[in-house]
Amino acid sequence: MMPFTAILWHDLSMLGKSWLVRLWLAATVLLAAFQLLVNWGTLQTAPLIAILLLPYLIFPWSLVVMMLSVTPMSGAQSGVIADGILSRPVTRYAYLLAAWTARVTLVLSVFLVVTIFIAIVAFAQRSPEADPVTLYGVAAALGVVALVLIFLVSVGFLLGTLLRNSLLAVVVMVFIWFPVNMVLSTFSLEEFSPISLTQALPTLLRQPWREVEEAEPEPELATAFQDAIKFFGSFGGAQASAEPEQPSFFEQDYEDFSLQRVLLGYGIPTLLSIFLATVVFSYRDV
């Protein structure tokens, strides 16, 4: 474990000195604070939390995660890899897993900053009407977003190992990731598309730990009478009711949302990406 720990802390210290990471951290705080101030008195709790998480799932912070994830296996680091593996008692697996763990730790540490703003939203008393957000829903939403970020890091590792060029790996990942997400979002596949997952976050945030089956209330007499009037009025040439308004971005129908499907949809590709990156790196010349 000593080589693994040494590489891990070395990568974390190098990443902490990067201007990209420093600017990302500062921009994360500023954007979250701006989103909070603009929507504090207008949006309910669930949509507001979803807006705070949106930059990590769609844009722009997902792009920063891609840029950070491809660098350890790229050509720019080939000399460091060769020196570390050939001149020191460090195995390929230790280097690969330590570099991957360092990126995951950094990304989740920056993401932890947003959880502070989410906690403020979840527990504060605000003017919008009450929104039944549950503690389980908040924890599940944060866990799902963290899993998507780990997935992006793992896919970036795989592309960086295959292509050996950080810029090319980022370009390929961008031109595959975003168009595929746009296509999958049309089918409302939250298990595979972060766009659909973002739209499903309010549903997840409102889910209780256990579903309670409630008996369907019997229709009231006044409601039944109004429905009868509308029915018979249609035969007399009554004007049709206006078409319902289109739901907003966070008001889509995700009543059949399944946390298990989402975990499998992002968890299995994450494990597969790590496995393939390890296999490719094991047979690659250094």
Protein backbone atom coordinates (compact mmCIF):
# COMPACT_ATOMS: atom_id res chain seq x y z
CA MET A 1 0.00 0.00 0.00
CA MET A 2 2.95 2.38 0.41
CA PRO A 3 3.52 2.92 -3.35
CA PHE A 4 -0.21 3.34 -3.86
CA THR A 5 -0.45 5.91 -1.05
CA ALA A 6 2.63 7.79 -2.26
CA ILE A 7 1.31 8.08 -5.82
CA LEU A 8 -2.12 9.07 -4.54
CA TRP A 9 -0.85 11.93 -2.40
CA HIS A 10 1.58 13.04 -5.10
CA ASP A 11 -1.20 13.25 -7.69
CA LEU A 12 -3.50 15.05 -5.28
CA SER A 13 -0.81 17.62 -4.49
CA MET A 14 -0.10 18.17 -8.19
CA LEU A 15 -3.79 18.52 -8.98
CA GLY A 16 -4.24 20.96 -6.11
CA LYS A 17 -1.61 23.23 -7.69
CA SER A 18 -3.32 23.17 -11.09
CA TRP A 19 -4.95 26.42 -12.18
CA LEU A 20 -7.74 24.43 -13.83
CA VAL A 21 -8.73 22.92 -10.48
CA ARG A 22 -8.46 26.25 -8.64
CA LEU A 23 -10.58 28.05 -11.22
CA TRP A 24 -13.08 25.19 -11.20
CA LEU A 25 -13.45 25.37 -7.43
CA ALA A 26 -13.93 29.13 -7.47
CA ALA A 27 -16.37 28.99 -10.38
CA THR A 28 -18.33 26.23 -8.64
CA VAL A 29 -18.84 28.39 -5.55
CA LEU A 30 -19.78 31.47 -7.58
CA LEU A 31 -22.20 29.64 -9.87
CA ALA A 32 -23.91 27.81 -6.99
CA ALA A 33 -24.26 31.04 -5.02
CA PHE A 34 -25.66 32.84 -8.08
CA GLN A 35 -28.19 30.07 -8.75
CA LEU A 36 -29.22 30.10 -5.11
CA LEU A 37 -29.73 33.86 -4.95
CA VAL A 38 -31.65 34.09 -8.23
CA ASN A 39 -34.06 31.23 -7.49
CA TRP A 40 -34.30 31.49 -3.69
CA GLY A 41 -37.73 33.07 -3.52
CA THR A 42 -39.32 31.57 -6.62
CA LEU A 43 -38.57 27.87 -6.99
CA GLN A 44 -39.60 25.00 -4.78
CA THR A 45 -36.98 22.91 -2.99
CA ALA A 46 -36.74 19.97 -5.42
CA PRO A 47 -36.31 22.02 -8.65
CA LEU A 48 -33.84 24.33 -6.92
CA ILE A 49 -31.67 21.40 -5.79
CA ALA A 50 -31.86 19.95 -9.30
CA ILE A 51 -30.65 23.26 -10.75
CA LEU A 52 -27.67 23.21 -8.37
CA LEU A 53 -26.78 19.69 -9.57
CA LEU A 54 -27.37 20.39 -13.27
CA PRO A 55 -23.85 21.75 -14.07
CA TYR A 56 -22.28 18.49 -12.90
CA LEU A 57 -24.56 16.27 -14.94
CA ILE A 58 -24.84 18.24 -18.17
CA PHE A 59 -22.57 21.30 -18.57
CA PRO A 60 -20.08 22.88 -17.87
CA TRP A 61 -18.48 20.99 -14.96
CA SER A 62 -18.84 17.60 -16.66
CA LEU A 63 -16.43 18.95 -19.31
CA VAL A 64 -13.89 19.84 -16.61
CA VAL A 65 -14.17 16.32 -15.20
CA MET A 66 -13.42 14.92 -18.66
CA MET A 67 -10.33 17.11 -18.99
CA LEU A 68 -8.99 16.00 -15.62
CA SER A 69 -9.67 12.30 -16.15
CA VAL A 70 -7.70 11.76 -19.39
CA THR A 71 -4.35 13.24 -18.32
CA PRO A 72 -2.75 10.41 -16.27
CA MET A 73 -2.62 7.99 -19.21
CA SER A 74 -1.83 10.49 -21.97
CA GLY A 75 1.42 10.92 -23.84
CA ALA A 76 2.41 13.92 -21.72
CA GLN A 77 2.73 11.64 -18.70
CA SER A 78 4.47 8.75 -20.49
CA GLY A 79 7.89 9.70 -19.11
CA VAL A 80 6.62 9.88 -15.56
CA ILE A 81 4.87 6.52 -15.95
CA ALA A 82 7.97 4.82 -17.34
CA ASP A 83 10.21 6.27 -14.62
CA GLY A 84 7.78 5.29 -11.87
CA ILE A 85 7.18 1.73 -13.08
CA LEU A 86 10.64 0.80 -14.37
CA SER A 87 12.84 2.55 -11.79
CA ARG A 88 10.78 2.10 -8.61
CA PRO A 89 8.92 -0.79 -6.94
CA VAL A 90 5.57 0.35 -8.34
CA THR A 91 3.29 -2.01 -10.24
CA ARG A 92 1.15 -0.97 -13.16
CA TYR A 93 -2.01 -1.68 -11.18
CA ALA A 94 -0.86 0.46 -8.26
CA TYR A 95 -0.10 3.40 -10.53
CA LEU A 96 -3.36 3.08 -12.45
CA LEU A 97 -5.60 2.71 -9.41
CA ALA A 98 -3.78 5.44 -7.46
CA ALA A 99 -4.12 7.92 -10.35
CA TRP A 100 -7.80 6.99 -10.76
CA THR A 101 -8.45 7.32 -7.03
CA ALA A 102 -6.75 10.74 -6.97
CA ARG A 103 -9.04 12.05 -9.73
CA VAL A 104 -12.14 10.61 -8.12
CA THR A 105 -11.17 12.09 -4.73
CA LEU A 106 -10.57 15.52 -6.26
CA VAL A 107 -13.82 15.54 -8.24
CA LEU A 108 -15.90 14.44 -5.27
CA SER A 109 -14.16 16.99 -3.03
CA VAL A 110 -15.18 19.83 -5.34
CA PHE A 111 -18.66 18.34 -5.61
CA LEU A 112 -18.83 18.35 -1.81
CA VAL A 113 -18.91 22.15 -1.93
CA VAL A 114 -22.27 22.05 -3.71
CA THR A 115 -23.72 19.80 -1.00
CA ILE A 116 -23.32 22.70 1.45
CA PHE A 117 -25.63 24.85 -0.69
CA ILE A 118 -28.03 21.92 -1.07
CA ALA A 119 -28.17 21.48 2.71
CA ILE A 120 -29.04 25.17 3.06
CA VAL A 121 -31.88 24.79 0.57
CA ALA A 122 -33.20 21.58 2.14
CA PHE A 123 -33.38 22.89 5.72
CA ALA A 124 -34.10 26.60 5.22
CA GLN A 125 -37.52 28.19 5.57
CA ARG A 126 -38.36 29.93 2.29
CA SER A 127 -41.32 31.75 0.80
CA PRO A 128 -42.26 29.22 -1.95
CA GLU A 129 -44.90 26.67 -1.02
CA ALA A 130 -43.75 23.59 0.86
CA ASP A 131 -42.09 20.87 -1.18
CA PRO A 132 -42.02 17.36 0.36
CA VAL A 133 -38.31 16.69 -0.14
CA THR A 134 -37.11 13.74 1.93
CA LEU A 135 -33.73 13.08 3.53
CA TYR A 136 -33.57 9.78 1.65
CA GLY A 137 -34.26 11.56 -1.64
CA VAL A 138 -31.52 14.13 -1.07
CA ALA A 139 -28.98 11.46 -0.12
CA ALA A 140 -29.96 9.30 -3.12
CA ALA A 141 -29.71 12.26 -5.53
CA LEU A 142 -26.26 13.19 -4.28
CA GLY A 143 -25.15 9.57 -4.53
CA VAL A 144 -26.42 9.27 -8.09
CA VAL A 145 -24.65 12.44 -9.23
CA ALA A 146 -21.44 11.26 -7.54
CA LEU A 147 -21.76 7.96 -9.43
CA VAL A 148 -22.12 9.80 -12.75
CA LEU A 149 -18.97 11.80 -11.99
CA ILE A 150 -17.06 8.59 -11.17
CA PHE A 151 -18.36 7.15 -14.43
CA LEU A 152 -17.00 10.14 -16.38
CA VAL A 153 -13.60 9.79 -14.70
CA SER A 154 -13.49 6.08 -15.56
CA VAL A 155 -14.45 6.60 -19.20
CA GLY A 156 -11.85 9.36 -19.47
CA PHE A 157 -9.24 7.00 -18.06
CA LEU A 158 -10.15 4.42 -20.66
CA LEU A 159 -9.96 6.87 -23.57
CA GLY A 160 -6.72 8.37 -22.28
CA THR A 161 -5.20 4.89 -22.12
CA LEU A 162 -6.37 3.93 -25.61
CA LEU A 163 -5.55 7.16 -27.45
CA ARG A 164 -2.49 8.37 -25.45
CA ASN A 165 -3.36 11.96 -26.31
CA SER A 166 -5.26 14.04 -23.78
CA LEU A 167 -6.61 16.58 -26.27
CA LEU A 168 -7.77 13.90 -28.69
CA ALA A 169 -9.33 11.91 -25.86
CA VAL A 170 -11.31 14.95 -24.66
CA VAL A 171 -12.50 15.76 -28.19
CA VAL A 172 -13.62 12.17 -28.80
CA MET A 173 -15.39 12.03 -25.44
CA VAL A 174 -17.20 15.33 -26.02
CA PHE A 175 -18.33 14.44 -29.54
CA ILE A 176 -19.63 11.08 -28.35
CA TRP A 177 -20.97 11.91 -24.89
CA PHE A 178 -23.12 14.97 -25.58
CA PRO A 179 -24.79 13.87 -28.86
CA VAL A 180 -25.60 10.44 -27.41
CA ASN A 181 -27.12 12.09 -24.36
CA MET A 182 -29.31 14.29 -26.54
CA VAL A 183 -30.58 11.24 -28.42
CA LEU A 184 -31.19 9.18 -25.27
CA SER A 185 -32.97 12.07 -23.55
CA THR A 186 -35.73 11.92 -26.17
CA PHE A 187 -36.59 8.45 -24.86
CA SER A 188 -36.50 9.61 -21.18
CA LEU A 189 -33.84 7.03 -20.28
CA GLU A 190 -32.59 8.36 -16.96
CA GLU A 191 -30.46 5.20 -16.54
CA PHE A 192 -28.21 6.25 -19.42
CA SER A 193 -28.75 9.96 -20.13
CA PRO A 194 -27.70 12.64 -17.59
CA ILE A 195 -30.19 15.02 -19.23
CA SER A 196 -33.09 12.73 -18.41
CA LEU A 197 -31.56 12.02 -15.02
CA THR A 198 -31.52 15.75 -14.27
CA GLN A 199 -35.19 15.98 -15.17
CA ALA A 200 -35.92 13.00 -12.91
CA LEU A 201 -34.09 14.46 -9.89
CA PRO A 202 -37.19 16.25 -8.47
CA THR A 203 -39.03 12.92 -8.51
CA LEU A 204 -36.14 11.22 -6.73
CA LEU A 205 -35.83 14.04 -4.21
CA ARG A 206 -39.48 13.62 -3.21
CA GLN A 207 -39.35 9.84 -2.84
CA PRO A 208 -39.70 8.44 0.69
CA TRP A 209 -37.62 5.57 2.05
CA ARG A 210 -40.61 3.25 1.70
CA GLU A 211 -43.60 3.73 -0.51
CA VAL A 212 -46.88 3.98 1.41
CA GLU A 213 -49.91 2.73 -0.42
CA GLU A 214 -52.81 5.09 0.05
CA ALA A 215 -56.42 4.24 -0.63
CA GLU A 216 -57.88 6.15 -3.54
CA PRO A 217 -60.38 8.75 -2.28
CA GLU A 218 -63.92 8.50 -3.49
CA PRO A 219 -64.96 11.28 -5.90
CA GLU A 220 -66.88 14.07 -4.25
CA LEU A 221 -70.43 14.85 -5.31
CA ALA A 222 -69.53 18.31 -6.56
CA THR A 223 -66.72 16.98 -8.75
CA ALA A 224 -68.97 14.31 -10.23
CA PHE A 225 -71.66 16.91 -10.92
CA GLN A 226 -69.18 19.18 -12.73
CA ASP A 227 -67.94 16.28 -14.86
CA ALA A 228 -71.55 15.48 -15.83
CA ILE A 229 -72.15 19.10 -16.86
CA LYS A 230 -69.04 19.09 -19.04
CA PHE A 231 -70.06 15.80 -20.64
CA PHE A 232 -73.58 16.89 -21.59
CA GLY A 233 -72.35 20.36 -22.54
CA SER A 234 -70.16 18.86 -25.24
CA PHE A 235 -73.30 17.77 -27.10
CA GLY A 236 -74.61 21.34 -27.09
CA GLY A 237 -71.59 22.86 -28.80
CA ALA A 238 -69.73 23.96 -25.70
CA GLN A 239 -66.23 25.22 -26.34
CA ALA A 240 -63.47 22.72 -25.75
CA SER A 241 -61.19 23.37 -22.85
CA ALA A 242 -57.86 24.96 -23.55
CA GLU A 243 -54.93 22.65 -24.23
CA PRO A 244 -52.76 22.01 -21.19
CA GLU A 245 -49.49 23.90 -21.03
CA GLN A 246 -46.28 22.08 -21.80
CA PRO A 247 -44.47 21.00 -18.63
CA SER A 248 -41.22 22.75 -17.79
CA PHE A 249 -37.81 21.07 -17.83
CA PHE A 250 -38.15 19.80 -14.23
CA GLU A 251 -41.83 18.87 -14.44
CA GLN A 252 -41.53 15.82 -16.68
CA ASP A 253 -43.33 12.57 -15.86
CA TYR A 254 -40.91 10.19 -14.11
CA GLU A 255 -43.36 8.39 -11.83
CA ASP A 256 -41.77 5.04 -12.75
CA PHE A 257 -38.31 6.21 -11.66
CA SER A 258 -36.16 3.34 -10.36
CA LEU A 259 -33.01 4.03 -8.36
CA GLN A 260 -31.81 0.46 -8.94
CA ARG A 261 -31.92 0.88 -12.72
CA VAL A 262 -29.98 4.14 -12.51
CA LEU A 263 -27.29 2.57 -10.30
CA LEU A 264 -26.91 -0.35 -12.68
CA GLY A 265 -27.02 1.89 -15.76
CA TYR A 266 -24.01 3.92 -14.61
CA GLY A 267 -22.33 1.45 -12.25
CA ILE A 268 -21.79 -1.40 -14.71
CA PRO A 269 -20.17 0.83 -17.40
CA THR A 270 -17.97 2.35 -14.68
CA LEU A 271 -16.63 -1.04 -13.60
CA LEU A 272 -16.25 -2.10 -17.23
CA SER A 273 -14.27 1.05 -18.08
CA ILE A 274 -11.89 0.51 -15.17
CA PHE A 275 -11.41 -3.13 -16.14
CA LEU A 276 -10.70 -2.33 -19.81
CA ALA A 277 -8.32 0.50 -18.89
CA THR A 278 -6.42 -1.89 -16.61
CA VAL A 279 -6.18 -4.54 -19.33
CA VAL A 280 -5.01 -2.05 -21.97
CA PHE A 281 -2.48 -0.43 -19.61
CA SER A 282 -1.11 -3.85 -18.61
CA TYR A 283 -0.17 -4.69 -22.20
CA ARG A 284 0.91 -1.20 -23.20
CA ASP A 285 4.59 -0.33 -23.67
CA VAL A 286 5.92 2.31 -21.26
